[in-house]
N, C-alpha and C. Protein backbone atom coordinates (compact mmCIF):
# COMPACT_ATOMS: atom_id res chain seq x y z
N MET A 1 -15.53 161.52 165.78
CA MET A 1 -16.36 160.90 164.49
C MET A 1 -16.92 162.07 163.57
N ASP A 2 -16.87 162.27 162.63
CA ASP A 2 -17.26 162.73 161.15
C ASP A 2 -18.82 162.89 161.80
N VAL A 3 -19.41 164.26 161.75
CA VAL A 3 -20.31 164.75 162.20
C VAL A 3 -21.50 164.49 161.63
N ARG A 4 -21.25 163.94 159.89
CA ARG A 4 -22.30 164.16 158.85
C ARG A 4 -22.62 162.35 158.92
N ALA A 5 -21.86 161.63 159.84
CA ALA A 5 -21.93 160.37 159.91
C ALA A 5 -23.01 160.08 161.28
N ILE A 6 -22.70 160.68 162.27
CA ILE A 6 -23.60 160.93 163.39
C ILE A 6 -24.94 161.24 162.43
N GLY A 7 -24.99 162.68 161.79
CA GLY A 7 -26.24 162.98 161.53
C GLY A 7 -27.23 161.82 161.06
N THR A 8 -26.32 161.42 160.25
CA THR A 8 -26.56 160.22 159.48
C THR A 8 -27.50 158.57 160.39
N ALA A 9 -26.45 158.39 160.53
CA ALA A 9 -27.16 157.71 162.20
C ALA A 9 -28.40 157.96 163.41
N ASN A 10 -28.59 159.54 163.16
CA ASN A 10 -29.10 160.05 164.60
C ASN A 10 -30.67 159.58 163.40
N ARG A 11 -30.86 160.16 162.11
CA ARG A 11 -31.69 159.87 161.42
C ARG A 11 -32.43 158.77 160.96
N GLY A 12 -31.27 157.79 161.10
CA GLY A 12 -31.54 156.71 161.09
C GLY A 12 -32.35 156.00 161.96
N MET A 13 -31.84 156.44 163.65
CA MET A 13 -32.40 155.61 164.44
C MET A 13 -33.57 156.20 164.49
N THR A 14 -34.30 157.86 163.69
CA THR A 14 -35.43 158.35 164.18
C THR A 14 -36.57 157.84 163.55
N MET A 15 -35.54 157.41 161.78
CA MET A 15 -36.72 156.28 161.07
C MET A 15 -37.23 154.97 161.29
N SER A 16 -36.40 154.37 162.39
CA SER A 16 -36.17 153.55 163.02
C SER A 16 -37.69 152.93 163.91
N ARG A 17 -37.46 154.16 165.02
CA ARG A 17 -38.29 154.25 165.86
C ARG A 17 -39.75 154.80 165.35
N SER A 18 -39.97 155.48 164.09
CA SER A 18 -40.96 155.96 163.22
C SER A 18 -41.77 154.93 162.78
N VAL A 19 -40.75 153.98 162.16
CA VAL A 19 -41.59 152.81 161.55
C VAL A 19 -41.92 151.45 162.56
N TRP A 20 -41.37 151.40 164.07
CA TRP A 20 -41.74 149.99 164.99
C TRP A 20 -42.78 151.02 165.68
N LYS A 21 -42.79 152.05 165.65
CA LYS A 21 -43.80 153.02 166.49
C LYS A 21 -45.58 152.44 165.32
N ARG A 22 -45.23 152.75 164.13
CA ARG A 22 -46.23 152.23 162.89
C ARG A 22 -46.64 151.33 162.87
N GLY A 23 -45.98 149.88 163.34
CA GLY A 23 -46.47 148.76 162.57
C GLY A 23 -46.85 148.33 164.15
N HIS A 24 -46.37 149.17 165.41
CA HIS A 24 -46.67 148.63 166.74
C HIS A 24 -48.63 148.44 166.51
N VAL A 25 -48.69 150.24 165.60
CA VAL A 25 -50.10 150.77 165.91
C VAL A 25 -51.00 149.44 165.29
N ALA A 26 -50.26 149.79 164.51
CA ALA A 26 -50.85 148.66 162.83
C ALA A 26 -51.19 147.30 163.92
N THR A 27 -50.88 146.81 164.31
CA THR A 27 -50.58 145.50 165.32
C THR A 27 -51.93 145.30 165.72
N SER A 28 -51.87 146.64 166.90
CA SER A 28 -53.13 146.36 168.04
C SER A 28 -54.13 146.56 167.46
N ARG A 29 -54.43 147.72 166.38
CA ARG A 29 -55.59 148.22 165.41
C ARG A 29 -56.21 146.43 165.19
N ALA A 30 -55.10 145.62 164.57
CA ALA A 30 -55.48 144.37 163.57
C ALA A 30 -56.03 143.16 165.21
N LEU A 31 -55.16 143.80 165.99
CA LEU A 31 -55.86 142.71 167.27
C LEU A 31 -57.08 142.96 167.77
N ALA A 32 -57.15 144.29 167.99
CA ALA A 32 -58.68 144.66 168.32
C ALA A 32 -59.63 144.43 167.63
N LEU A 33 -59.56 144.45 166.25
CA LEU A 33 -60.59 143.93 165.62
C LEU A 33 -60.96 143.00 165.43
N LEU A 34 -59.90 141.63 165.38
CA LEU A 34 -60.31 140.71 165.96
C LEU A 34 -60.69 140.39 167.13
N GLY A 35 -60.57 140.81 168.25
CA GLY A 35 -61.32 140.95 168.96
C GLY A 35 -63.10 141.05 169.10
N LEU A 36 -63.49 142.30 168.71
CA LEU A 36 -64.31 142.44 168.26
C LEU A 36 -65.35 141.79 167.48
N LEU A 37 -64.43 140.71 166.50
CA LEU A 37 -65.28 140.24 165.56
C LEU A 37 -65.21 138.51 166.08
N PHE A 38 -64.24 137.83 167.21
CA PHE A 38 -64.82 136.94 168.13
C PHE A 38 -65.83 137.34 168.51
N ALA A 39 -66.00 138.44 169.43
CA ALA A 39 -66.82 138.63 170.61
C ALA A 39 -68.16 138.71 169.93
N ALA A 40 -68.41 139.02 168.63
CA ALA A 40 -69.91 139.48 168.13
C ALA A 40 -70.13 137.72 167.07
N LEU A 41 -68.91 136.96 167.31
CA LEU A 41 -69.00 135.72 166.90
C LEU A 41 -69.91 135.00 167.95
N ALA A 42 -69.21 135.17 169.30
CA ALA A 42 -69.26 134.25 170.22
C ALA A 42 -71.26 134.88 171.25
N CYS A 43 -71.47 135.67 170.99
CA CYS A 43 -72.69 136.63 171.38
C CYS A 43 -73.37 136.13 170.24
N SER A 44 -73.29 135.94 168.49
CA SER A 44 -74.36 135.58 167.94
C SER A 44 -74.95 134.18 168.37
N GLY A 45 -76.27 134.15 168.08
CA GLY A 45 -77.42 132.94 168.45
C GLY A 45 -77.53 132.08 167.10
N PRO A 46 -78.95 131.27 167.12
CA PRO A 46 -79.05 130.44 165.76
C PRO A 46 -79.48 131.64 164.58
N PRO A 47 -78.72 131.26 163.10
CA PRO A 47 -79.21 131.98 162.42
C PRO A 47 -80.41 131.91 161.98
N ILE A 48 -81.05 133.39 161.56
CA ILE A 48 -82.18 133.90 161.47
C ILE A 48 -83.11 133.48 160.18
N SER A 49 -84.27 132.94 160.40
CA SER A 49 -85.00 132.56 158.74
C SER A 49 -85.62 133.08 158.64
N PRO A 50 -86.11 132.88 157.12
CA PRO A 50 -87.51 133.76 156.47
C PRO A 50 -88.80 133.21 157.18
N PRO A 51 -89.62 133.77 157.45
CA PRO A 51 -90.85 133.22 157.98
C PRO A 51 -91.11 131.97 157.06
N PRO A 52 -91.96 130.88 157.92
CA PRO A 52 -92.28 129.82 157.04
C PRO A 52 -93.26 129.38 156.73
N PRO A 53 -93.68 128.72 155.75
CA PRO A 53 -94.60 129.37 154.77
C PRO A 53 -96.39 128.83 155.72
N GLU A 54 -97.23 129.57 154.79
CA GLU A 54 -98.38 129.44 155.50
C GLU A 54 -99.10 128.07 155.40
N PRO A 55 -99.69 127.72 157.03
CA PRO A 55 -100.07 126.05 156.67
C PRO A 55 -101.26 126.69 155.58
N VAL A 56 -101.35 124.97 154.52
CA VAL A 56 -102.74 125.32 153.41
C VAL A 56 -103.55 124.18 154.59
N THR A 57 -104.91 124.88 154.51
CA THR A 57 -106.12 124.18 154.25
C THR A 57 -106.21 122.60 154.31
N GLY A 58 -106.17 121.68 154.63
CA GLY A 58 -106.87 120.29 154.27
C GLY A 58 -104.86 119.97 153.98
N ASP A 59 -104.26 120.57 153.83
CA ASP A 59 -102.91 119.83 153.91
C ASP A 59 -101.90 119.72 155.05
N ARG A 60 -102.43 119.27 156.13
CA ARG A 60 -101.89 119.32 157.58
C ARG A 60 -100.91 118.03 157.91
N ASP A 61 -99.47 118.29 158.69
CA ASP A 61 -99.59 117.28 159.24
C ASP A 61 -100.27 116.96 160.04
N PRO A 62 -100.65 115.31 160.28
CA PRO A 62 -101.12 114.83 161.79
C PRO A 62 -100.96 115.15 162.93
N TYR A 63 -101.86 114.98 163.92
CA TYR A 63 -101.67 115.62 165.30
C TYR A 63 -100.38 114.39 165.93
N VAL A 64 -99.90 114.46 166.87
CA VAL A 64 -98.49 113.97 167.32
C VAL A 64 -99.19 113.53 168.84
N ILE A 65 -98.91 112.57 169.29
CA ILE A 65 -99.39 112.38 170.71
C ILE A 65 -97.88 112.90 171.52
N GLY A 66 -98.47 114.06 172.68
CA GLY A 66 -97.31 114.07 173.60
C GLY A 66 -97.38 114.19 174.73
N VAL A 67 -96.83 113.92 176.09
CA VAL A 67 -96.66 113.32 177.42
C VAL A 67 -97.83 114.62 177.76
N THR A 68 -98.54 114.57 178.94
CA THR A 68 -99.60 115.35 179.30
C THR A 68 -101.14 115.38 178.51
N ASP A 69 -100.69 114.25 177.11
CA ASP A 69 -102.03 115.06 176.50
C ASP A 69 -103.34 113.04 176.83
N GLN A 70 -104.32 113.29 176.89
CA GLN A 70 -105.32 112.70 177.25
C GLN A 70 -106.15 111.95 176.72
N LEU A 71 -106.31 110.53 176.25
CA LEU A 71 -106.86 109.91 175.26
C LEU A 71 -107.55 109.08 175.58
N GLN A 72 -108.33 108.45 174.79
CA GLN A 72 -109.77 107.68 175.07
C GLN A 72 -109.31 106.55 173.90
N ILE A 73 -109.13 105.29 174.98
CA ILE A 73 -108.74 103.90 174.24
C ILE A 73 -110.48 103.09 174.47
N SER A 74 -110.72 102.88 172.89
CA SER A 74 -111.85 102.14 172.92
C SER A 74 -111.35 100.69 172.20
N VAL A 75 -112.20 99.40 172.63
CA VAL A 75 -112.28 98.05 171.79
C VAL A 75 -113.26 97.67 171.94
N TRP A 76 -114.42 97.90 170.22
CA TRP A 76 -115.51 97.62 170.07
C TRP A 76 -116.03 96.08 171.07
N LYS A 77 -117.05 96.58 171.77
CA LYS A 77 -117.65 94.71 172.36
C LYS A 77 -116.72 94.38 173.14
N ASN A 78 -116.01 95.19 173.76
CA ASN A 78 -114.51 94.77 174.80
C ASN A 78 -114.51 95.92 176.09
N PRO A 79 -115.60 96.62 176.37
CA PRO A 79 -115.82 97.66 176.98
C PRO A 79 -114.90 97.35 178.37
N GLU A 80 -114.52 96.04 179.02
CA GLU A 80 -113.55 96.19 180.14
C GLU A 80 -112.22 96.52 179.74
N LEU A 81 -111.72 97.01 178.31
CA LEU A 81 -110.46 97.37 177.46
C LEU A 81 -110.82 98.70 177.13
N SER A 82 -111.75 99.35 177.41
CA SER A 82 -111.93 100.22 176.94
C SER A 82 -112.00 101.21 178.37
N VAL A 83 -110.41 102.53 178.23
CA VAL A 83 -110.50 102.86 179.17
C VAL A 83 -110.31 104.33 178.75
N PRO A 84 -110.03 105.49 179.24
CA PRO A 84 -109.43 106.66 179.35
C PRO A 84 -108.01 106.63 179.86
N VAL A 85 -107.13 106.86 179.43
CA VAL A 85 -105.88 107.14 180.20
C VAL A 85 -104.60 108.68 179.53
N VAL A 86 -103.59 108.87 180.71
CA VAL A 86 -103.06 110.40 180.46
C VAL A 86 -101.79 108.99 179.85
N VAL A 87 -100.90 110.47 179.16
CA VAL A 87 -99.79 110.04 178.96
C VAL A 87 -98.87 110.37 179.72
N ARG A 88 -98.04 109.36 180.14
CA ARG A 88 -97.22 110.11 181.34
C ARG A 88 -95.96 110.38 180.88
N SER A 89 -95.11 110.81 181.97
CA SER A 89 -94.04 111.61 181.67
C SER A 89 -93.46 111.04 181.05
N ASP A 90 -93.14 109.53 180.90
CA ASP A 90 -92.09 108.69 180.77
C ASP A 90 -92.56 108.06 179.16
N GLY A 91 -93.61 109.17 178.75
CA GLY A 91 -94.28 108.98 177.45
C GLY A 91 -95.13 107.67 176.83
N MET A 92 -95.34 106.38 178.45
CA MET A 92 -96.17 105.74 178.51
C MET A 92 -97.48 105.78 178.80
N ILE A 93 -98.64 104.90 178.02
CA ILE A 93 -99.82 104.81 178.86
C ILE A 93 -100.27 103.09 179.17
N SER A 94 -101.31 103.19 179.78
CA SER A 94 -101.08 102.11 180.57
C SER A 94 -102.74 101.80 180.06
N VAL A 95 -102.65 99.82 179.58
CA VAL A 95 -103.78 100.06 178.60
C VAL A 95 -103.98 97.75 179.35
N PRO A 96 -104.96 97.69 179.57
CA PRO A 96 -105.65 96.53 180.03
C PRO A 96 -105.31 95.55 179.00
N LEU A 97 -104.34 94.51 179.55
CA LEU A 97 -103.75 93.12 179.64
C LEU A 97 -102.46 93.55 179.01
N LEU A 98 -102.26 94.72 178.00
CA LEU A 98 -101.24 95.21 177.37
C LEU A 98 -100.11 95.55 178.55
N ASP A 99 -100.09 96.53 179.80
CA ASP A 99 -99.45 97.02 180.48
C ASP A 99 -98.87 98.46 179.92
N ASP A 100 -98.10 99.02 179.91
CA ASP A 100 -97.08 100.12 179.08
C ASP A 100 -97.14 99.58 178.00
N VAL A 101 -97.23 100.82 176.79
CA VAL A 101 -97.52 101.13 176.08
C VAL A 101 -96.86 102.23 175.09
N GLN A 102 -96.07 102.68 174.60
CA GLN A 102 -95.42 103.64 173.93
C GLN A 102 -96.30 104.88 173.20
N ALA A 103 -96.76 106.45 173.58
CA ALA A 103 -97.43 106.40 172.96
C ALA A 103 -96.93 107.90 172.77
N GLU A 104 -95.94 108.30 173.17
CA GLU A 104 -95.99 110.07 172.73
C GLU A 104 -95.03 109.52 171.72
N GLY A 105 -95.20 110.44 170.54
CA GLY A 105 -94.43 110.39 169.20
C GLY A 105 -95.50 110.19 168.39
N LEU A 106 -95.98 109.55 168.73
CA LEU A 106 -97.05 108.62 167.84
C LEU A 106 -98.56 109.22 166.86
N THR A 107 -98.90 109.36 166.12
CA THR A 107 -100.03 109.60 165.82
C THR A 107 -101.36 108.39 166.40
N THR A 108 -102.40 108.88 166.37
CA THR A 108 -103.50 108.18 167.04
C THR A 108 -103.28 107.06 165.79
N GLY A 109 -103.70 106.61 164.40
CA GLY A 109 -103.36 106.10 164.07
C GLY A 109 -102.25 104.72 163.69
N GLU A 110 -101.30 105.44 164.11
CA GLU A 110 -99.95 104.59 164.80
C GLU A 110 -100.27 103.83 165.81
N LEU A 111 -101.30 104.46 167.01
CA LEU A 111 -100.86 103.60 168.28
C LEU A 111 -102.07 103.13 168.15
N LYS A 112 -103.25 103.18 167.49
CA LYS A 112 -104.13 102.10 167.48
C LYS A 112 -103.68 101.04 166.41
N GLU A 113 -102.93 100.90 165.91
CA GLU A 113 -102.09 99.59 165.37
C GLU A 113 -101.56 98.70 166.33
N ILE A 114 -100.80 99.73 166.81
CA ILE A 114 -100.11 98.39 167.62
C ILE A 114 -100.71 98.10 169.06
N ILE A 115 -101.86 99.18 169.32
CA ILE A 115 -102.51 98.26 170.22
C ILE A 115 -103.68 97.75 169.81
N ALA A 116 -103.87 96.91 168.79
CA ALA A 116 -104.31 96.36 168.06
C ALA A 116 -103.56 95.13 167.97
N ALA A 117 -102.68 95.29 167.13
CA ALA A 117 -101.58 93.93 166.98
C ALA A 117 -101.35 92.96 168.53
N GLU A 118 -101.05 94.07 169.39
CA GLU A 118 -100.82 93.41 170.84
C GLU A 118 -101.91 92.93 171.56
N LEU A 119 -102.96 93.24 171.02
CA LEU A 119 -104.55 92.70 171.84
C LEU A 119 -104.41 92.01 171.36
N ALA A 120 -104.08 91.26 170.10
CA ALA A 120 -104.74 90.11 169.06
C ALA A 120 -104.39 88.78 169.39
N GLU A 121 -102.89 89.02 170.49
CA GLU A 121 -103.02 87.44 171.35
C GLU A 121 -103.81 86.86 172.20
N TYR A 122 -104.69 88.04 172.50
CA TYR A 122 -106.43 88.06 173.80
C TYR A 122 -107.06 88.17 173.18
N VAL A 123 -107.53 89.23 171.89
CA VAL A 123 -109.12 89.32 171.61
C VAL A 123 -109.23 89.04 170.03
N ALA A 124 -109.85 87.74 169.57
CA ALA A 124 -109.81 87.67 167.91
C ALA A 124 -110.15 89.29 167.48
N ASN A 125 -109.47 89.56 166.40
CA ASN A 125 -109.32 90.66 165.51
C ASN A 125 -110.10 91.82 166.36
N PRO A 126 -109.46 92.50 167.27
CA PRO A 126 -110.00 93.59 167.96
C PRO A 126 -110.15 94.81 167.18
N ASP A 127 -111.31 95.27 167.32
CA ASP A 127 -111.21 96.83 166.20
C ASP A 127 -111.10 97.71 167.37
N VAL A 128 -110.10 98.70 167.06
CA VAL A 128 -109.53 99.92 168.42
C VAL A 128 -109.26 100.79 167.95
N THR A 129 -110.28 101.81 168.77
CA THR A 129 -110.18 103.45 168.71
C THR A 129 -109.19 104.06 169.62
N VAL A 130 -108.53 105.07 169.12
CA VAL A 130 -107.60 105.89 169.83
C VAL A 130 -108.11 107.65 169.57
N VAL A 131 -108.89 108.19 170.12
CA VAL A 131 -108.95 109.55 170.32
C VAL A 131 -108.54 110.55 171.03
N VAL A 132 -107.96 111.73 171.02
CA VAL A 132 -107.33 112.62 171.74
C VAL A 132 -108.45 113.13 172.22
N THR A 133 -108.77 113.51 173.62
CA THR A 133 -109.77 114.29 174.57
C THR A 133 -109.39 115.38 174.78
N GLN A 134 -107.58 115.90 175.03
CA GLN A 134 -107.50 117.15 175.53
C GLN A 134 -105.43 116.70 174.88
N MET A 135 -105.61 117.78 174.05
CA MET A 135 -104.54 118.27 173.53
C MET A 135 -103.26 119.10 174.82
N ASN A 136 -102.84 118.50 175.67
CA ASN A 136 -102.76 119.23 177.23
C ASN A 136 -101.05 119.34 176.58
N SER A 137 -100.46 118.55 175.32
CA SER A 137 -98.72 119.22 175.22
C SER A 137 -99.05 119.64 173.97
N ASN A 138 -99.84 120.27 173.47
CA ASN A 138 -100.01 120.76 172.21
C ASN A 138 -99.84 122.63 172.49
N VAL A 139 -98.12 122.97 172.99
CA VAL A 139 -99.06 124.33 173.57
C VAL A 139 -97.03 125.10 172.72
N ALA A 140 -97.23 126.37 172.87
CA ALA A 140 -96.17 127.19 172.94
C ALA A 140 -95.92 127.88 173.84
N ALA A 141 -94.76 128.39 174.26
CA ALA A 141 -94.33 129.09 175.82
C ALA A 141 -94.43 130.70 175.04
N VAL A 142 -94.36 131.83 175.63
CA VAL A 142 -94.32 133.20 175.75
C VAL A 142 -93.60 133.53 176.59
N MET A 143 -92.15 134.35 176.75
CA MET A 143 -91.85 135.12 178.02
C MET A 143 -91.03 136.06 177.94
N GLY A 144 -90.56 136.93 178.90
CA GLY A 144 -90.47 138.34 178.14
C GLY A 144 -90.23 139.24 178.97
N ALA A 145 -90.70 140.30 177.74
CA ALA A 145 -91.49 141.35 178.17
C ALA A 145 -92.72 141.94 177.82
N VAL A 146 -93.65 140.77 178.39
CA VAL A 146 -95.15 140.01 178.67
C VAL A 146 -95.63 140.69 179.58
N GLY A 147 -97.33 140.55 179.86
CA GLY A 147 -97.89 141.09 181.31
C GLY A 147 -97.58 139.69 182.10
N ARG A 148 -97.39 138.70 181.72
CA ARG A 148 -96.82 137.28 182.68
C ARG A 148 -96.27 136.24 181.56
N SER A 149 -94.93 135.46 181.92
CA SER A 149 -95.02 134.33 181.03
C SER A 149 -95.50 133.18 181.20
N GLY A 150 -95.39 132.36 180.50
CA GLY A 150 -96.26 131.01 180.63
C GLY A 150 -95.80 130.22 179.42
N THR A 151 -97.40 129.63 179.44
CA THR A 151 -97.63 128.42 177.54
C THR A 151 -99.17 128.87 177.54
N VAL A 152 -99.17 128.76 176.11
CA VAL A 152 -100.62 129.19 175.72
C VAL A 152 -100.94 127.46 174.90
N PRO A 153 -102.28 127.55 175.30
CA PRO A 153 -102.71 126.42 174.11
C PRO A 153 -102.99 126.65 173.37
N LEU A 154 -102.41 125.67 172.11
CA LEU A 154 -102.47 125.61 170.30
C LEU A 154 -103.37 124.32 170.11
N ARG A 155 -105.22 124.94 170.30
CA ARG A 155 -106.46 124.26 169.94
C ARG A 155 -107.06 124.58 168.72
N ARG A 156 -106.21 125.62 168.02
CA ARG A 156 -106.36 126.27 166.74
C ARG A 156 -104.85 126.95 165.78
N ASP A 157 -105.02 127.82 165.10
CA ASP A 157 -104.48 128.30 164.21
C ASP A 157 -103.75 129.37 165.42
N THR A 158 -103.03 129.57 165.93
CA THR A 158 -102.55 130.67 166.92
C THR A 158 -101.51 131.26 166.69
N ARG A 159 -101.28 132.73 166.12
CA ARG A 159 -100.02 133.20 165.51
C ARG A 159 -99.20 133.98 166.67
N VAL A 160 -98.22 134.23 166.49
CA VAL A 160 -97.66 134.84 167.78
C VAL A 160 -97.76 136.19 168.08
N LEU A 161 -98.57 137.06 167.43
CA LEU A 161 -99.21 138.67 168.19
C LEU A 161 -100.74 137.99 168.82
N GLU A 162 -101.27 136.80 168.54
CA GLU A 162 -102.32 136.66 169.29
C GLU A 162 -101.63 136.07 170.98
N ALA A 163 -101.16 134.99 170.66
CA ALA A 163 -100.11 134.29 171.89
C ALA A 163 -99.38 135.60 172.58
N ILE A 164 -98.89 136.47 172.04
CA ILE A 164 -98.48 137.89 173.46
C ILE A 164 -99.61 138.02 173.99
N ALA A 165 -100.91 138.64 173.02
CA ALA A 165 -101.85 139.48 174.17
C ALA A 165 -102.88 138.08 174.92
N THR A 166 -102.10 136.75 174.52
CA THR A 166 -103.16 136.25 175.47
C THR A 166 -102.23 135.70 176.70
N MET A 167 -100.89 136.16 177.20
CA MET A 167 -100.04 136.53 178.03
C MET A 167 -100.29 137.93 178.42
N GLY A 168 -100.85 138.67 178.19
CA GLY A 168 -101.39 140.19 178.83
C GLY A 168 -100.66 141.29 177.27
N GLY A 169 -100.14 140.99 176.63
CA GLY A 169 -99.67 142.10 176.12
C GLY A 169 -98.34 142.53 175.94
N PHE A 170 -97.55 143.13 175.16
CA PHE A 170 -96.59 144.04 175.56
C PHE A 170 -96.17 144.93 176.67
N ASN A 171 -95.02 144.76 177.46
CA ASN A 171 -95.29 145.74 178.69
C ASN A 171 -94.82 146.77 178.24
N ALA A 172 -94.26 147.90 178.97
CA ALA A 172 -93.79 149.09 178.95
C ALA A 172 -92.44 149.07 178.48
N PHE A 173 -91.62 147.72 178.76
CA PHE A 173 -89.99 148.11 178.59
C PHE A 173 -89.89 146.95 177.43
N ALA A 174 -91.02 146.37 176.37
CA ALA A 174 -90.63 145.61 175.48
C ALA A 174 -90.35 146.71 174.52
N LYS A 175 -89.22 145.63 173.68
CA LYS A 175 -88.85 145.48 172.65
C LYS A 175 -89.41 144.72 171.27
N ARG A 176 -90.41 145.50 170.70
CA ARG A 176 -91.55 145.31 169.88
C ARG A 176 -90.72 145.06 168.35
N ASN A 177 -89.99 145.01 168.22
CA ASN A 177 -89.31 145.04 166.81
C ASN A 177 -88.42 143.89 167.08
N LYS A 178 -88.10 143.65 167.82
CA LYS A 178 -87.03 142.32 167.90
C LYS A 178 -87.91 141.02 168.73
N VAL A 179 -89.17 140.61 168.61
CA VAL A 179 -89.22 139.52 169.00
C VAL A 179 -89.02 138.35 168.07
N ARG A 180 -88.62 136.97 169.28
CA ARG A 180 -87.77 136.09 168.20
C ARG A 180 -88.49 134.95 168.75
N ILE A 181 -89.19 134.41 167.97
CA ILE A 181 -89.26 132.72 167.80
C ILE A 181 -88.35 131.78 167.36
N LEU A 182 -88.10 130.84 168.47
CA LEU A 182 -87.72 129.98 168.39
C LEU A 182 -88.67 128.48 168.62
N ARG A 183 -87.97 127.29 167.70
CA ARG A 183 -88.33 126.75 167.30
C ARG A 183 -87.64 125.34 167.20
N PRO A 184 -87.64 124.08 168.10
CA PRO A 184 -87.25 123.30 167.68
C PRO A 184 -86.81 122.31 166.98
N THR A 185 -86.09 122.06 165.57
CA THR A 185 -86.51 121.07 165.05
C THR A 185 -84.90 119.79 165.17
N PRO A 186 -85.86 118.98 164.37
CA PRO A 186 -84.85 117.79 164.22
C PRO A 186 -82.95 118.10 163.67
N GLY A 187 -82.76 119.28 163.03
CA GLY A 187 -81.13 119.71 162.83
C GLY A 187 -81.12 120.83 163.86
N GLY A 188 -82.02 121.29 164.83
CA GLY A 188 -81.33 122.31 165.74
C GLY A 188 -82.75 123.65 165.73
N VAL A 189 -81.73 124.53 166.95
CA VAL A 189 -83.79 125.51 167.37
C VAL A 189 -83.17 126.11 165.98
N VAL A 190 -84.28 126.76 165.08
CA VAL A 190 -84.60 127.61 164.23
C VAL A 190 -85.05 128.90 165.03
N GLU A 191 -84.56 129.96 164.33
CA GLU A 191 -85.07 131.13 164.62
C GLU A 191 -85.74 131.95 163.96
N TYR A 192 -86.87 132.68 164.27
CA TYR A 192 -87.84 133.03 163.36
C TYR A 192 -87.49 134.56 164.51
N ARG A 193 -88.08 135.94 163.25
CA ARG A 193 -88.29 137.34 163.96
C ARG A 193 -89.64 137.89 163.66
N PHE A 194 -89.96 138.42 165.09
CA PHE A 194 -91.42 139.34 164.50
C PHE A 194 -91.11 140.88 165.04
N ASP A 195 -91.66 141.84 164.16
CA ASP A 195 -91.51 143.26 164.04
C ASP A 195 -92.68 143.55 163.87
N TYR A 196 -93.51 143.78 165.29
CA TYR A 196 -94.57 144.33 165.25
C TYR A 196 -95.08 145.67 164.25
N ASP A 197 -94.19 146.38 164.70
CA ASP A 197 -94.37 148.16 164.04
C ASP A 197 -94.29 147.90 162.56
N ALA A 198 -93.33 146.77 162.04
CA ALA A 198 -93.58 146.60 160.83
C ALA A 198 -94.53 145.57 160.76
N PHE A 199 -95.03 145.12 160.99
CA PHE A 199 -96.29 144.27 160.66
C PHE A 199 -97.27 145.36 160.80
N LEU A 200 -97.78 146.33 161.20
CA LEU A 200 -98.80 146.88 161.57
C LEU A 200 -98.31 147.96 160.49
N ASN A 201 -97.07 148.43 159.64
CA ASN A 201 -97.39 149.00 158.82
C ASN A 201 -97.51 148.05 157.50
N GLY A 202 -97.97 146.63 157.26
CA GLY A 202 -97.50 145.99 156.43
C GLY A 202 -96.23 146.05 155.69
N LYS A 203 -95.44 146.07 156.12
CA LYS A 203 -94.18 145.68 155.56
C LYS A 203 -93.40 144.41 155.68
N ALA A 204 -94.02 143.62 156.82
CA ALA A 204 -93.86 141.98 157.03
C ALA A 204 -95.54 141.22 157.76
N PRO A 205 -95.76 141.32 156.77
CA PRO A 205 -97.23 140.80 156.85
C PRO A 205 -96.98 138.88 157.08
N ASN A 206 -96.16 138.17 156.48
CA ASN A 206 -95.43 137.01 156.70
C ASN A 206 -95.39 136.38 158.20
N SER A 207 -95.01 137.72 159.13
CA SER A 207 -94.25 137.72 160.20
C SER A 207 -94.85 137.22 161.10
N ASN A 208 -95.74 137.63 161.38
CA ASN A 208 -96.95 136.70 161.95
C ASN A 208 -97.45 135.30 162.07
N MET A 209 -96.91 134.68 162.09
CA MET A 209 -96.09 133.61 161.86
C MET A 209 -97.60 132.53 162.30
N VAL A 210 -97.54 131.25 162.33
CA VAL A 210 -98.75 129.95 162.59
C VAL A 210 -97.75 129.96 163.83
N LEU A 211 -98.10 129.57 165.54
CA LEU A 211 -97.09 128.90 166.25
C LEU A 211 -97.29 127.32 166.04
N ARG A 212 -96.33 126.32 166.50
CA ARG A 212 -95.74 124.72 166.83
C ARG A 212 -96.37 124.91 167.69
N ALA A 213 -96.86 123.73 168.20
CA ALA A 213 -96.18 122.69 169.43
C ALA A 213 -94.71 122.77 169.60
N GLY A 214 -94.12 123.43 171.20
CA GLY A 214 -92.85 123.49 171.22
C GLY A 214 -91.90 124.61 171.14
N ASP A 215 -92.95 125.53 170.18
CA ASP A 215 -92.04 127.12 170.14
C ASP A 215 -92.05 127.57 171.07
N THR A 216 -90.90 128.91 171.60
CA THR A 216 -91.16 129.40 172.29
C THR A 216 -90.74 130.65 171.86
N VAL A 217 -91.54 131.84 172.77
CA VAL A 217 -92.10 133.36 171.89
C VAL A 217 -91.26 134.26 173.13
N VAL A 218 -89.87 134.72 172.72
CA VAL A 218 -89.25 135.53 173.65
C VAL A 218 -89.65 137.01 173.12
N VAL A 219 -89.89 137.59 174.03
CA VAL A 219 -90.39 139.61 173.60
C VAL A 219 -88.81 140.05 174.89
N PRO A 220 -87.71 140.78 174.25
CA PRO A 220 -86.65 141.24 174.88
C PRO A 220 -87.14 142.53 175.11
N GLU A 221 -86.13 142.94 176.44
CA GLU A 221 -86.17 144.44 176.97
C GLU A 221 -85.78 145.43 176.50
């Protein structure tokens, strides 16, 4: 066989192996990048939202009755129908003559109208008043790298930093710049962030947001 032909064939085989090797390396890198991308997507939580707008005095949503709240039901000139009640775990209250009435998820005005309409079958023109005497359901949870985990009552405007302080403050392992606030909404859970150091430096003044009932503050380690 011609020596030149053999040399040409050997060079061709060497080039083929080189091309295959480069293609194999490129494919491996691409697969590795895709793996990292999928892993990042799998670990991602709810999208982080900017801080919500500050509440405006005189322009707030009415209080919504929740489980464990204590109410006072009063019917004018009918003391036997006027009773203190607790919203049960099923969201109901027990009212004389009416038995169980749905209370959870209603405002005091809405519950008043329902009770008055149902009592009208037994009492002429019932004048009903509903008062929330204890807002036991109006709480936010604080957990993670704090003095103790638990719930904080929201009897007035309570901000993230105040809630954390109420639960003993940050512990020695807390990542104070990565505090998460998880808020359930009809469209799903919304996540906000609170950076303690940035807040103290005046770089994130709105991040120390007012909490709402059902919020969960998570301080990671």
